[in-house]
Structure formats: structure tokens, C-alpha cells
PDB file of N, CA and C in Angstrom:
ATOM      1  N   MET A   1      69.960 -33.571  40.670  1.00  0.00           N
ATOM      2  CA  MET A   1      71.476 -33.133  40.752  1.00  0.00           C
ATOM      3  C   MET A   1      71.745 -32.515  42.403  1.00  0.00           C
ATOM      4  N   SER A   2      72.648 -32.893  42.779  1.00  0.00           N
ATOM      5  CA  SER A   2      73.010 -32.407  43.957  1.00  0.00           C
ATOM      6  C   SER A   2      73.611 -30.515  43.936  1.00  0.00           C
ATOM      7  N   PRO A   3      73.268 -30.186  45.105  1.00  0.00           N
ATOM      8  CA  PRO A   3      73.364 -28.631  45.008  1.00  0.00           C
ATOM      9  C   PRO A   3      75.181 -28.358  44.776  1.00  0.00           C
ATOM     10  N   ASP A   4      75.965 -29.258  45.311  1.00  0.00           N
ATOM     11  CA  ASP A   4      77.403 -29.029  45.161  1.00  0.00           C
ATOM     12  C   ASP A   4      77.611 -29.268  43.584  1.00  0.00           C
ATOM     13  N   ILE A   5      77.207 -29.932  42.997  1.00  0.00           N
ATOM     14  CA  ILE A   5      77.461 -30.381  41.410  1.00  0.00           C
ATOM     15  C   ILE A   5      76.876 -28.962  40.637  1.00  0.00           C
ATOM     16  N   VAL A   6      75.840 -28.701  41.006  1.00  0.00           N
ATOM     17  CA  VAL A   6      75.250 -27.238  40.288  1.00  0.00           C
ATOM     18  C   VAL A   6      75.886 -26.127  40.809  1.00  0.00           C
ATOM     19  N   ARG A   7      76.347 -26.054  41.975  1.00  0.00           N
ATOM     20  CA  ARG A   7      77.302 -24.902  42.351  1.00  0.00           C
ATOM     21  C   ARG A   7      78.578 -24.782  41.276  1.00  0.00           C
ATOM     22  N   ASN A   8      79.340 -26.145  41.022  1.00  0.00           N
ATOM     23  CA  ASN A   8      80.186 -26.076  40.503  1.00  0.00           C
ATOM     24  C   ASN A   8      80.164 -26.055  38.692  1.00  0.00           C
ATOM     25  N   MET A   9      78.882 -25.901  38.514  1.00  0.00           N
ATOM     26  CA  MET A   9      78.779 -26.026  36.782  1.00  0.00           C
ATOM     27  C   MET A   9      79.217 -24.461  36.300  1.00  0.00           C
ATOM     28  N   ALA A  10      79.319 -24.475  34.986  1.00  0.00           N
ATOM     29  CA  ALA A  10      79.439 -23.178  34.458  1.00  0.00           C
ATOM     30  C   ALA A  10      78.636 -22.738  33.727  1.00  0.00           C
ATOM     31  N   VAL A  11      77.306 -22.782  34.299  1.00  0.00           N
ATOM     32  CA  VAL A  11      76.012 -22.579  34.167  1.00  0.00           C
ATOM     33  C   VAL A  11      75.111 -21.227  34.220  1.00  0.00           C
ATOM     34  N   LYS A  12      74.983 -20.425  33.617  1.00  0.00           N
ATOM     35  CA  LYS A  12      74.309 -19.274  33.790  1.00  0.00           C
ATOM     36  C   LYS A  12      72.807 -19.466  34.508  1.00  0.00           C
ATOM     37  N   GLU A  13      72.172 -20.167  33.748  1.00  0.00           N
ATOM     38  CA  GLU A  13      70.818 -20.274  34.176  1.00  0.00           C
ATOM     39  C   GLU A  13      70.373 -21.619  33.996  1.00  0.00           C
ATOM     40  N   ILE A  14      69.654 -22.361  34.777  1.00  0.00           N
ATOM     41  CA  ILE A  14      69.170 -23.691  34.457  1.00  0.00           C
ATOM     42  C   ILE A  14      67.655 -23.686  34.417  1.00  0.00           C
ATOM     43  N   LYS A  15      66.979 -23.771  33.251  1.00  0.00           N
ATOM     44  CA  LYS A  15      65.600 -23.942  33.043  1.00  0.00           C
ATOM     45  C   LYS A  15      64.807 -24.982  33.493  1.00  0.00           C
ATOM     46  N   LEU A  16      64.097 -24.826  34.563  1.00  0.00           N
ATOM     47  CA  LEU A  16      63.294 -26.132  34.772  1.00  0.00           C
ATOM     48  C   LEU A  16      62.109 -26.356  33.766  1.00  0.00           C
ATOM     49  N   TRP A  17      61.960 -27.529  33.502  1.00  0.00           N
ATOM     50  CA  TRP A  17      60.930 -27.893  32.779  1.00  0.00           C
ATOM     51  C   TRP A  17      59.495 -27.933  33.660  1.00  0.00           C
ATOM     52  N   ARG A  18      58.513 -27.343  33.566  1.00  0.00           N
ATOM     53  CA  ARG A  18      57.444 -27.599  34.181  1.00  0.00           C
ATOM     54  C   ARG A  18      56.420 -28.786  33.821  1.00  0.00           C
ATOM     55  N   SER A  19      56.418 -29.045  32.284  1.00  0.00           N
ATOM     56  CA  SER A  19      55.588 -29.617  31.726  1.00  0.00           C
ATOM     57  C   SER A  19      56.145 -30.580  30.537  1.00  0.00           C
ATOM     58  N   ALA A  20      55.777 -31.650  30.313  1.00  0.00           N
ATOM     59  CA  ALA A  20      56.242 -32.412  28.906  1.00  0.00           C
ATOM     60  C   ALA A  20      54.803 -33.046  28.556  1.00  0.00           C
ATOM     61  N   LEU A  21      54.261 -32.739  27.088  1.00  0.00           N
ATOM     62  CA  LEU A  21      53.199 -33.226  26.394  1.00  0.00           C
ATOM     63  C   LEU A  21      53.351 -34.444  25.819  1.00  0.00           C
ATOM     64  N   SER A  22      52.904 -35.658  25.900  1.00  0.00           N
ATOM     65  CA  SER A  22      53.067 -36.875  25.110  1.00  0.00           C
ATOM     66  C   SER A  22      51.767 -36.498  24.227  1.00  0.00           C
ATOM     67  N   VAL A  23      52.113 -36.916  22.786  1.00  0.00           N
ATOM     68  CA  VAL A  23      51.054 -36.798  21.630  1.00  0.00           C
ATOM     69  C   VAL A  23      50.818 -38.065  20.956  1.00  0.00           C
ATOM     70  N   PRO A  24      49.791 -38.548  20.487  1.00  0.00           N
ATOM     71  CA  PRO A  24      50.134 -40.004  19.939  1.00  0.00           C
ATOM     72  C   PRO A  24      49.848 -39.456  18.421  1.00  0.00           C
ATOM     73  N   ALA A  25      50.858 -39.543  17.519  1.00  0.00           N
ATOM     74  CA  ALA A  25      51.016 -38.732  16.343  1.00  0.00           C
ATOM     75  C   ALA A  25      49.833 -39.348  15.347  1.00  0.00           C
ATOM     76  N   VAL A  26      49.080 -40.221  15.797  1.00  0.00           N
ATOM     77  CA  VAL A  26      47.645 -40.797  15.033  1.00  0.00           C
ATOM     78  C   VAL A  26      46.758 -39.831  15.215  1.00  0.00           C
ATOM     79  N   ASN A  27      46.722 -39.168  16.133  1.00  0.00           N
ATOM     80  CA  ASN A  27      45.616 -38.255  16.661  1.00  0.00           C
ATOM     81  C   ASN A  27      45.597 -37.157  16.133  1.00  0.00           C
ATOM     82  N   ARG A  28      45.029 -36.667  15.077  1.00  0.00           N
ATOM     83  CA  ARG A  28      45.346 -35.502  14.318  1.00  0.00           C
ATOM     84  C   ARG A  28      44.496 -34.117  15.152  1.00  0.00           C
ATOM     85  N   ARG A  29      43.546 -34.438  15.937  1.00  0.00           N
ATOM     86  CA  ARG A  29      42.954 -33.342  16.800  1.00  0.00           C
ATOM     87  C   ARG A  29      43.705 -33.051  17.841  1.00  0.00           C
ATOM     88  N   ALA A  30      44.654 -34.125  18.497  1.00  0.00           N
ATOM     89  CA  ALA A  30      45.687 -33.794  19.435  1.00  0.00           C
ATOM     90  C   ALA A  30      46.949 -32.981  18.929  1.00  0.00           C
ATOM     91  N   LEU A  31      47.024 -33.608  17.765  1.00  0.00           N
ATOM     92  CA  LEU A  31      48.306 -32.676  17.105  1.00  0.00           C
ATOM     93  C   LEU A  31      48.083 -31.377  16.794  1.00  0.00           C
ATOM     94  N   GLU A  32      46.850 -30.993  16.458  1.00  0.00           N
ATOM     95  CA  GLU A  32      46.462 -29.559  15.962  1.00  0.00           C
ATOM     96  C   GLU A  32      46.668 -28.810  17.526  1.00  0.00           C
ATOM     97  N   LYS A  33      46.132 -29.290  18.455  1.00  0.00           N
ATOM     98  CA  LYS A  33      45.839 -28.851  20.002  1.00  0.00           C
ATOM     99  C   LYS A  33      47.271 -28.495  20.241  1.00  0.00           C
ATOM    100  N   SER A  34      48.283 -29.479  19.967  1.00  0.00           N
ATOM    101  CA  SER A  34      49.445 -29.107  20.769  1.00  0.00           C
ATOM    102  C   SER A  34      50.396 -28.047  20.308  1.00  0.00           C
ATOM    103  N   LYS A  35      50.196 -27.438  19.190  1.00  0.00           N
ATOM    104  CA  LYS A  35      50.614 -26.185  18.340  1.00  0.00           C
ATOM    105  C   LYS A  35      50.122 -24.957  19.347  1.00  0.00           C
ATOM    106  N   THR A  36      48.954 -25.132  20.348  1.00  0.00           N
ATOM    107  CA  THR A  36      48.403 -23.915  21.049  1.00  0.00           C
ATOM    108  C   THR A  36      48.818 -23.974  22.245  1.00  0.00           C
ATOM    109  N   LEU A  37      49.315 -25.263  22.872  1.00  0.00           N
ATOM    110  CA  LEU A  37      49.254 -25.568  24.277  1.00  0.00           C
ATOM    111  C   LEU A  37      50.955 -24.919  24.786  1.00  0.00           C
ATOM    112  N   ALA A  38      50.904 -24.574  26.108  1.00  0.00           N
ATOM    113  CA  ALA A  38      52.184 -23.751  26.836  1.00  0.00           C
ATOM    114  C   ALA A  38      53.019 -25.066  27.410  1.00  0.00           C
ATOM    115  N   ALA A  39      53.251 -26.104  26.739  1.00  0.00           N
ATOM    116  CA  ALA A  39      53.838 -26.971  27.167  1.00  0.00           C
ATOM    117  C   ALA A  39      55.555 -26.680  26.958  1.00  0.00           C
ATOM    118  N   ASP A  40      56.352 -26.993  27.925  1.00  0.00           N
ATOM    119  CA  ASP A  40      57.503 -26.832  27.822  1.00  0.00           C
ATOM    120  C   ASP A  40      58.401 -27.844  27.244  1.00  0.00           C
ATOM    121  N   ALA A  41      57.725 -28.852  26.450  1.00  0.00           N
ATOM    122  CA  ALA A  41      58.302 -29.890  25.893  1.00  0.00           C
ATOM    123  C   ALA A  41      56.860 -30.807  25.178  1.00  0.00           C
ATOM    124  N   VAL A  42      57.019 -30.904  23.756  1.00  0.00           N
ATOM    125  CA  VAL A  42      56.148 -31.801  23.386  1.00  0.00           C
ATOM    126  C   VAL A  42      56.515 -32.953  22.469  1.00  0.00           C
ATOM    127  N   ILE A  43      56.200 -33.987  23.363  1.00  0.00           N
ATOM    128  CA  ILE A  43      56.798 -35.415  22.566  1.00  0.00           C
ATOM    129  C   ILE A  43      55.854 -35.997  21.415  1.00  0.00           C
ATOM    130  N   TYR A  44      55.947 -35.888  20.360  1.00  0.00           N
ATOM    131  CA  TYR A  44      54.927 -36.680  19.572  1.00  0.00           C
ATOM    132  C   TYR A  44      55.228 -38.190  19.057  1.00  0.00           C
ATOM    133  N   ASP A  45      54.560 -38.972  19.700  1.00  0.00           N
ATOM    134  CA  ASP A  45      54.876 -40.240  19.921  1.00  0.00           C
ATOM    135  C   ASP A  45      54.315 -41.247  18.766  1.00  0.00           C
ATOM    136  N   LEU A  46      55.274 -41.947  18.186  1.00  0.00           N
ATOM    137  CA  LEU A  46      55.035 -43.093  17.014  1.00  0.00           C
ATOM    138  C   LEU A  46      54.900 -44.008  17.214  1.00  0.00           C
ATOM    139  N   GLU A  47      55.128 -44.687  18.686  1.00  0.00           N
ATOM    140  CA  GLU A  47      55.403 -45.999  19.003  1.00  0.00           C
ATOM    141  C   GLU A  47      53.848 -46.617  19.827  1.00  0.00           C
ATOM    142  N   ASP A  48      54.224 -46.757  21.018  1.00  0.00           N
ATOM    143  CA  ASP A  48      53.321 -47.351  22.093  1.00  0.00           C
ATOM    144  C   ASP A  48      51.928 -47.017  21.640  1.00  0.00           C
ATOM    145  N   PRO A  49      51.624 -46.011  21.675  1.00  0.00           N
ATOM    146  CA  PRO A  49      49.962 -45.411  21.588  1.00  0.00           C
ATOM    147  C   PRO A  49      49.279 -45.431  20.050  1.00  0.00           C
ATOM    148  N   VAL A  50      50.154 -45.799  19.052  1.00  0.00           N
ATOM    149  CA  VAL A  50      49.670 -45.830  17.690  1.00  0.00           C
ATOM    150  C   VAL A  50      49.903 -47.556  17.257  1.00  0.00           C
ATOM    151  N   ALA A  51      48.849 -48.075  16.858  1.00  0.00           N
ATOM    152  CA  ALA A  51      48.372 -49.320  16.419  1.00  0.00           C
ATOM    153  C   ALA A  51      49.053 -49.697  15.235  1.00  0.00           C
ATOM    154  N   HIS A  52      49.891 -51.043  15.344  1.00  0.00           N
ATOM    155  CA  HIS A  52      50.746 -51.510  14.215  1.00  0.00           C
ATOM    156  C   HIS A  52      50.124 -51.131  12.918  1.00  0.00           C
ATOM    157  N   GLY A  53      48.880 -51.016  12.422  1.00  0.00           N
ATOM    158  CA  GLY A  53      48.399 -50.917  11.113  1.00  0.00           C
ATOM    159  C   GLY A  53      48.185 -49.196  11.134  1.00  0.00           C
ATOM    160  N   ARG A  54      48.527 -48.499  11.771  1.00  0.00           N
ATOM    161  CA  ARG A  54      48.305 -47.067  11.573  1.00  0.00           C
ATOM    162  C   ARG A  54      49.679 -46.362  11.643  1.00  0.00           C
ATOM    163  N   LYS A  55      50.538 -47.043  11.699  1.00  0.00           N
ATOM    164  CA  LYS A  55      51.902 -46.480  11.908  1.00  0.00           C
ATOM    165  C   LYS A  55      52.406 -45.356  10.643  1.00  0.00           C
ATOM    166  N   ALA A  56      51.890 -45.655   9.654  1.00  0.00           N
ATOM    167  CA  ALA A  56      52.489 -45.036   8.438  1.00  0.00           C
ATOM    168  C   ALA A  56      51.440 -43.617   8.687  1.00  0.00           C
ATOM    169  N   GLU A  57      50.178 -43.706   8.696  1.00  0.00           N
ATOM    170  CA  GLU A  57      49.274 -42.668   8.929  1.00  0.00           C
ATOM    171  C   GLU A  57      49.813 -41.609  10.155  1.00  0.00           C
ATOM    172  N   ALA A  58      50.526 -42.214  11.054  1.00  0.00           N
ATOM    173  CA  ALA A  58      50.978 -41.252  12.091  1.00  0.00           C
ATOM    174  C   ALA A  58      52.064 -40.561  11.781  1.00  0.00           C
ATOM    175  N   ARG A  59      53.164 -41.325  10.787  1.00  0.00           N
ATOM    176  CA  ARG A  59      54.159 -40.639  10.493  1.00  0.00           C
ATOM    177  C   ARG A  59      53.533 -39.555   9.624  1.00  0.00           C
ATOM    178  N   GLU A  60      52.599 -39.931   8.573  1.00  0.00           N
ATOM    179  CA  GLU A  60      52.314 -38.789   7.661  1.00  0.00           C
ATOM    180  C   GLU A  60      51.615 -37.746   8.289  1.00  0.00           C
ATOM    181  N   ASN A  61      50.842 -37.790   9.422  1.00  0.00           N
ATOM    182  CA  ASN A  61      50.141 -36.910  10.412  1.00  0.00           C
ATOM    183  C   ASN A  61      51.495 -35.828  10.860  1.00  0.00           C
ATOM    184  N   LEU A  62      52.487 -36.772  11.434  1.00  0.00           N
ATOM    185  CA  LEU A  62      53.448 -35.746  12.007  1.00  0.00           C
ATOM    186  C   LEU A  62      54.402 -34.992  11.040  1.00  0.00           C
ATOM    187  N   GLU A  63      54.457 -35.370   9.894  1.00  0.00           N
ATOM    188  CA  GLU A  63      55.233 -34.851   8.594  1.00  0.00           C
ATOM    189  C   GLU A  63      54.439 -33.949   8.469  1.00  0.00           C
ATOM    190  N   GLN A  64      53.173 -33.905   8.384  1.00  0.00           N
ATOM    191  CA  GLN A  64      52.318 -32.617   7.627  1.00  0.00           C
ATOM    192  C   GLN A  64      52.641 -31.347   8.842  1.00  0.00           C
ATOM    193  N   LEU A  65      52.091 -31.733  10.029  1.00  0.00           N
ATOM    194  CA  LEU A  65      52.328 -31.058  11.060  1.00  0.00           C
ATOM    195  C   LEU A  65      53.606 -30.242  11.213  1.00  0.00           C
ATOM    196  N   LEU A  66      54.688 -30.947  11.197  1.00  0.00           N
ATOM    197  CA  LEU A  66      56.228 -30.327  10.892  1.00  0.00           C
ATOM    198  C   LEU A  66      56.416 -29.312  10.125  1.00  0.00           C
ATOM    199  N   ARG A  67      55.511 -29.613   9.008  1.00  0.00           N
ATOM    200  CA  ARG A  67      55.682 -28.614   7.788  1.00  0.00           C
ATOM    201  C   ARG A  67      55.408 -27.199   7.877  1.00  0.00           C
ATOM    202  N   ILE A  68      54.304 -27.418   9.102  1.00  0.00           N
ATOM    203  CA  ILE A  68      53.477 -26.109   9.304  1.00  0.00           C
ATOM    204  C   ILE A  68      54.164 -25.593  10.529  1.00  0.00           C
ATOM    205  N   ILE A  69      54.766 -26.323  11.472  1.00  0.00           N
ATOM    206  CA  ILE A  69      55.514 -25.607  12.475  1.00  0.00           C
ATOM    207  C   ILE A  69      56.937 -25.223  12.096  1.00  0.00           C
ATOM    208  N   VAL A  70      57.716 -25.934  11.063  1.00  0.00           N
ATOM    209  CA  VAL A  70      59.232 -25.670  10.783  1.00  0.00           C
ATOM    210  C   VAL A  70      59.005 -25.524   9.321  1.00  0.00           C
ATOM    211  N   PRO A  71      58.799 -24.594   8.774  1.00  0.00           N
ATOM    212  CA  PRO A  71      58.630 -24.139   7.385  1.00  0.00           C
ATOM    213  C   PRO A  71      60.115 -24.484   6.566  1.00  0.00           C
ATOM    214  N   PRO A  72      60.343 -24.929   5.367  1.00  0.00           N
ATOM    215  CA  PRO A  72      61.304 -25.553   4.730  1.00  0.00           C
ATOM    216  C   PRO A  72      62.227 -24.182   4.795  1.00  0.00           C
ATOM    217  N   ALA A  73      63.442 -24.136   4.793  1.00  0.00           N
ATOM    218  CA  ALA A  73      64.635 -23.098   4.798  1.00  0.00           C
ATOM    219  C   ALA A  73      64.559 -22.588   3.168  1.00  0.00           C
TER     220      ALA A  73
END
């Protein structure tokens, strides 16, 4: 964004992201480790890094992780 656009925005603070971590959801060890890292964003990838035959496993791994991170209300 140009400085002129930023100056005209009604935003109190813009938080810049320093890091985004991409984690293949088929890799359980990487999923567990992602909970401990101080990344600004974590992208749990179910597409390209996951072999076609392991997509269901990756979805199950991610579902288990999210149940721990975001407990049901």
C-alpha cells in the first residue's frame, strides 16, 4: 500500500506479519510442533504437500489438532 492510502485509512494500528508457517496436515510431528511456535499465522495445508492417497489421513490429523486447540463450546 502506498503511504497516502495508509494515511487516509481509519485504522488505529496495522499489525505487520513477520512470519507465516505452512504445515502439511499429513505430518503429525509438524502439526504438534506448530502449536509451540511463535508464527504470526499457521497455514495447515491439505492440498499439494499431501499425497492423493493420504488426504483422508491429513483431514483426520487436522481435525484432532483443532479439537485440542479450539475446544468445543
